[in-house]
C-alpha atoms as a PDB file:
ATOM      1  CA  MET A   1      -0.101   0.107   0.069  1.00  0.00           C
ATOM      2  CA  THR A   2       2.858   2.205   0.811  1.00  0.00           C
ATOM      3  CA  ARG A   3       4.397   1.939  -2.579  1.00  0.00           C
ATOM      4  CA  LEU A   4       0.963   2.209  -4.062  1.00  0.00           C
ATOM      5  CA  LEU A   5       0.814   5.424  -2.753  1.00  0.00           C
ATOM      6  CA  ALA A   6       4.062   6.886  -3.117  1.00  0.00           C
ATOM      7  CA  PHE A   7       3.771   5.782  -6.836  1.00  0.00           C
ATOM      8  CA  VAL A   8       0.720   8.293  -7.386  1.00  0.00           C
ATOM      9  CA  LEU A   9       2.203  10.941  -5.483  1.00  0.00           C
ATOM     10  CA  THR A  10       5.166  11.093  -7.669  1.00  0.00           C
ATOM     11  CA  ALA A  11       2.690  10.328 -10.608  1.00  0.00           C
ATOM     12  CA  VAL A  12       0.510  13.616  -9.620  1.00  0.00           C
ATOM     13  CA  ALA A  13       3.666  16.066  -9.117  1.00  0.00           C
ATOM     14  CA  LEU A  14       5.886  15.105 -11.704  1.00  0.00           C
ATOM     15  CA  PRO A  15       4.139  16.975 -14.402  1.00  0.00           C
ATOM     16  CA  GLY A  16       4.332  19.965 -12.346  1.00  0.00           C
ATOM     17  CA  LEU A  17       7.750  19.534 -11.670  1.00  0.00           C
ATOM     18  CA  LEU A  18       8.491  18.942 -15.008  1.00  0.00           C
ATOM     19  CA  SER A  19       6.632  22.509 -16.266  1.00  0.00           C
ATOM     20  CA  ALA A  20       7.942  24.458 -13.433  1.00  0.00           C
ATOM     21  CA  GLN A  21      10.094  27.693 -14.134  1.00  0.00           C
ATOM     22  CA  SER A  22      13.817  27.516 -13.275  1.00  0.00           C
ATOM     23  CA  ALA A  23      15.924  29.676 -12.061  1.00  0.00           C
ATOM     24  CA  ALA A  24      17.526  29.873 -15.312  1.00  0.00           C
ATOM     25  CA  ASP A  25      14.515  30.615 -16.948  1.00  0.00           C
ATOM     26  CA  THR A  26      13.647  33.330 -14.028  1.00  0.00           C
ATOM     27  CA  ALA A  27      16.958  35.102 -14.921  1.00  0.00           C
ATOM     28  CA  ALA A  28      16.733  34.870 -18.693  1.00  0.00           C
ATOM     29  CA  ILE A  29      12.725  36.264 -18.167  1.00  0.00           C
ATOM     30  CA  ARG A  30      13.936  39.600 -16.394  1.00  0.00           C
ATOM     31  CA  THR A  31      17.058  40.246 -19.020  1.00  0.00           C
ATOM     32  CA  ALA A  32      14.760  40.677 -21.290  1.00  0.00           C
ATOM     33  CA  ALA A  33      12.771  42.826 -19.552  1.00  0.00           C
ATOM     34  CA  LEU A  34      15.603  44.754 -18.524  1.00  0.00           C
ATOM     35  CA  ASP A  35      17.332  44.850 -21.904  1.00  0.00           C
ATOM     36  CA  TYR A  36      13.751  45.928 -22.934  1.00  0.00           C
ATOM     37  CA  ILE A  37      13.556  49.144 -20.512  1.00  0.00           C
ATOM     38  CA  GLU A  38      16.928  50.030 -19.686  1.00  0.00           C
ATOM     39  CA  GLY A  39      17.641  49.706 -23.171  1.00  0.00           C
ATOM     40  CA  TRP A  40      15.297  52.308 -23.923  1.00  0.00           C
ATOM     41  CA  TYR A  41      16.533  54.636 -21.377  1.00  0.00           C
ATOM     42  CA  ALA A  42      19.779  53.959 -22.712  1.00  0.00           C
ATOM     43  CA  GLY A  43      19.171  54.781 -26.598  1.00  0.00           C
ATOM     44  CA  ASP A  44      20.771  51.279 -26.838  1.00  0.00           C
ATOM     45  CA  ALA A  45      18.992  49.921 -29.468  1.00  0.00           C
ATOM     46  CA  THR A  46      21.089  46.969 -29.707  1.00  0.00           C
ATOM     47  CA  ARG A  47      19.519  45.586 -26.609  1.00  0.00           C
ATOM     48  CA  MET A  48      16.532  46.793 -27.040  1.00  0.00           C
ATOM     49  CA  GLU A  49      16.032  44.141 -30.375  1.00  0.00           C
ATOM     50  CA  ARG A  50      18.024  41.502 -28.278  1.00  0.00           C
ATOM     51  CA  ALA A  51      14.615  41.479 -26.111  1.00  0.00           C
ATOM     52  CA  LEU A  52      12.159  41.157 -28.746  1.00  0.00           C
ATOM     53  CA  HIS A  53      10.809  39.083 -31.091  1.00  0.00           C
ATOM     54  CA  PRO A  54      10.874  40.294 -34.697  1.00  0.00           C
ATOM     55  CA  GLU A  55       6.904  40.252 -35.059  1.00  0.00           C
ATOM     56  CA  LEU A  56       6.901  41.947 -31.298  1.00  0.00           C
ATOM     57  CA  ALA A  57       3.537  44.523 -31.077  1.00  0.00           C
ATOM     58  CA  LYS A  58       3.575  47.083 -28.729  1.00  0.00           C
ATOM     59  CA  ARG A  59       0.238  48.563 -27.700  1.00  0.00           C
ATOM     60  CA  ILE A  60      -1.769  50.864 -26.150  1.00  0.00           C
ATOM     61  CA  MET A  61      -5.330  52.024 -25.461  1.00  0.00           C
ATOM     62  CA  MET A  62      -5.741  56.083 -26.119  1.00  0.00           C
ATOM     63  CA  THR A  63      -8.467  58.201 -25.868  1.00  0.00           C
ATOM     64  CA  ASP A  64      -8.828  60.652 -28.828  1.00  0.00           C
ATOM     65  CA  PRO A  65      -9.890  64.403 -28.432  1.00  0.00           C
ATOM     66  CA  GLN A  66     -14.024  63.447 -29.018  1.00  0.00           C
ATOM     67  CA  GLY A  67     -13.446  60.616 -26.010  1.00  0.00           C
ATOM     68  CA  ARG A  68     -13.389  57.705 -28.417  1.00  0.00           C
ATOM     69  CA  SER A  69     -10.828  54.804 -27.807  1.00  0.00           C
ATOM     70  CA  ARG A  70      -8.140  54.238 -29.887  1.00  0.00           C
ATOM     71  CA  LEU A  71      -5.536  51.407 -30.250  1.00  0.00           C
ATOM     72  CA  GLY A  72      -1.998  52.354 -31.094  1.00  0.00           C
ATOM     73  CA  GLN A  73       0.673  50.103 -31.991  1.00  0.00           C
ATOM     74  CA  GLN A  74       4.481  49.909 -32.499  1.00  0.00           C
ATOM     75  CA  SER A  75       6.361  46.900 -34.195  1.00  0.00           C
ATOM     76  CA  ALA A  76       9.576  45.465 -33.151  1.00  0.00           C
ATOM     77  CA  MET A  77      11.394  47.326 -35.656  1.00  0.00           C
ATOM     78  CA  THR A  78       9.778  50.963 -34.827  1.00  0.00           C
ATOM     79  CA  LEU A  79      10.850  50.577 -31.111  1.00  0.00           C
ATOM     80  CA  VAL A  80      14.319  49.872 -32.102  1.00  0.00           C
ATOM     81  CA  GLN A  81      14.600  52.674 -34.682  1.00  0.00           C
ATOM     82  CA  ASN A  82      12.869  54.847 -31.840  1.00  0.00           C
ATOM     83  CA  THR A  83      15.536  53.563 -29.261  1.00  0.00           C
ATOM     84  CA  ARG A  84      17.759  54.305 -31.696  1.00  0.00           C
ATOM     85  CA  HIS A  85      17.188  57.708 -32.212  1.00  0.00           C
ATOM     86  CA  GLY A  86      16.954  58.268 -28.557  1.00  0.00           C
ATOM     87  CA  GLY A  87      14.766  56.310 -26.923  1.00  0.00           C
ATOM     88  CA  GLY A  88      14.050  57.764 -23.366  1.00  0.00           C
ATOM     89  CA  LYS A  89      17.735  59.295 -22.891  1.00  0.00           C
ATOM     90  CA  ASP A  90      15.747  62.621 -22.235  1.00  0.00           C
ATOM     91  CA  ILE A  91      14.202  60.741 -19.125  1.00  0.00           C
ATOM     92  CA  PRO A  92      16.414  62.210 -16.135  1.00  0.00           C
ATOM     93  CA  ALA A  93      17.993  59.259 -14.244  1.00  0.00           C
ATOM     94  CA  ASP A  94      16.397  60.368 -11.019  1.00  0.00           C
ATOM     95  CA  LYS A  95      12.631  59.497 -12.674  1.00  0.00           C
ATOM     96  CA  ARG A  96      13.819  56.363 -14.570  1.00  0.00           C
ATOM     97  CA  ARG A  97      12.385  52.888 -13.154  1.00  0.00           C
ATOM     98  CA  SER A  98      13.073  49.284 -14.100  1.00  0.00           C
ATOM     99  CA  ASP A  99      11.135  47.350 -11.525  1.00  0.00           C
ATOM    100  CA  VAL A 100      10.438  43.861 -12.722  1.00  0.00           C
ATOM    101  CA  ARG A 101       8.014  41.729 -11.710  1.00  0.00           C
ATOM    102  CA  ILE A 102       7.229  37.953 -13.352  1.00  0.00           C
ATOM    103  CA  LEU A 103       3.853  37.217 -13.121  1.00  0.00           C
ATOM    104  CA  ASP A 104       3.622  34.120 -14.254  1.00  0.00           C
ATOM    105  CA  VAL A 105       5.523  30.862 -15.900  1.00  0.00           C
ATOM    106  CA  TYR A 106       4.059  27.959 -17.748  1.00  0.00           C
ATOM    107  CA  ASN A 107       6.548  26.270 -19.828  1.00  0.00           C
ATOM    108  CA  ASN A 108       7.609  28.299 -22.602  1.00  0.00           C
ATOM    109  CA  ALA A 109       5.254  31.276 -21.961  1.00  0.00           C
ATOM    110  CA  ALA A 110       5.844  34.312 -19.136  1.00  0.00           C
ATOM    111  CA  SER A 111       4.192  37.154 -18.369  1.00  0.00           C
ATOM    112  CA  ALA A 112       6.189  40.309 -16.586  1.00  0.00           C
ATOM    113  CA  ARG A 113       4.759  43.546 -15.741  1.00  0.00           C
ATOM    114  CA  VAL A 114       7.608  46.366 -16.047  1.00  0.00           C
ATOM    115  CA  GLN A 115       6.608  49.549 -13.644  1.00  0.00           C
ATOM    116  CA  ALA A 116       8.445  52.175 -15.587  1.00  0.00           C
ATOM    117  CA  ALA A 117       9.355  55.871 -15.245  1.00  0.00           C
ATOM    118  CA  THR A 118       5.765  56.928 -15.645  1.00  0.00           C
ATOM    119  CA  TRP A 119       4.223  54.202 -17.226  1.00  0.00           C
ATOM    120  CA  VAL A 120       3.573  50.357 -16.764  1.00  0.00           C
ATOM    121  CA  ASP A 121       4.399  48.095 -19.508  1.00  0.00           C
ATOM    122  CA  TYR A 122       2.460  44.855 -19.487  1.00  0.00           C
ATOM    123  CA  MET A 123       4.745  41.856 -21.202  1.00  0.00           C
ATOM    124  CA  HIS A 124       4.254  38.267 -22.722  1.00  0.00           C
ATOM    125  CA  LEU A 125       7.559  36.712 -23.195  1.00  0.00           C
ATOM    126  CA  ALA A 126       7.965  33.411 -25.178  1.00  0.00           C
ATOM    127  CA  LYS A 127      11.258  31.196 -25.292  1.00  0.00           C
ATOM    128  CA  SER A 128      12.115  30.960 -28.972  1.00  0.00           C
ATOM    129  CA  ASN A 129      14.886  29.007 -30.258  1.00  0.00           C
ATOM    130  CA  GLY A 130      16.323  28.151 -26.793  1.00  0.00           C
ATOM    131  CA  ARG A 131      16.274  32.216 -25.882  1.00  0.00           C
ATOM    132  CA  TRP A 132      13.570  34.424 -24.620  1.00  0.00           C
ATOM    133  CA  VAL A 133      11.736  37.144 -26.042  1.00  0.00           C
ATOM    134  CA  ILE A 134       8.791  39.590 -25.673  1.00  0.00           C
ATOM    135  CA  VAL A 135       6.099  39.261 -27.899  1.00  0.00           C
ATOM    136  CA  ASN A 136       3.558  41.264 -27.243  1.00  0.00           C
ATOM    137  CA  VAL A 137       3.558  44.793 -24.774  1.00  0.00           C
ATOM    138  CA  LEU A 138       0.445  45.816 -23.456  1.00  0.00           C
ATOM    139  CA  TRP A 139       0.997  49.155 -21.632  1.00  0.00           C
ATOM    140  CA  GLU A 140      -0.446  52.296 -19.453  1.00  0.00           C
ATOM    141  CA  MET A 141       0.589  55.485 -18.994  1.00  0.00           C
ATOM    142  CA  GLU A 142      -0.092  56.786 -15.482  1.00  0.00           C
ATOM    143  CA  PRO A 143      -2.550  59.256 -14.287  1.00  0.00           C
ATOM    144  CA  ALA A 144      -1.947  62.537 -14.617  1.00  0.00           C
ATOM    145  CA  THR A 145      -2.676  63.451 -10.915  1.00  0.00           C
ATOM    146  CA  GLY A 146      -0.206  60.837  -9.556  1.00  0.00           C
ATOM    147  CA  GLY A 147       1.265  57.191  -9.981  1.00  0.00           C
ATOM    148  CA  ALA A 148       0.550  54.203 -11.050  1.00  0.00           C
ATOM    149  CA  SER A 149      -1.863  51.567  -9.125  1.00  0.00           C
ATOM    150  CA  ARG A 150       0.401  49.147  -7.958  1.00  0.00           C
END
């Protein structure tokens, strides 16, 4: 009976252990997020490009002057070019934030949140060819009256 119980417990626990995030995955996800935000602040297009999947979509829901919502978007190429042209270099160093929080990891997919200078980026990352890269970003500016909700 003890052997049967041990077998059942092992069989139940094994799938979870196999899909659990490793320390290496956690570090690589954090590195991709930091390459993205710190690359932006530094105007370092190489670092930004390293963090992104070539088919990245970066989006924000904005309200136009008539009060209608519209979706603004950037591609990986646009984001890399904007970084190359200075990115966030004009943001004072004391205003720069790069707080990374990994929200979830499941096999080769992850979600992360980056609290930046005056905005928050929600990222989806994927392990592509053995490397974690950002494939989607949905971002939101902080309200004009104060800091972002946490």
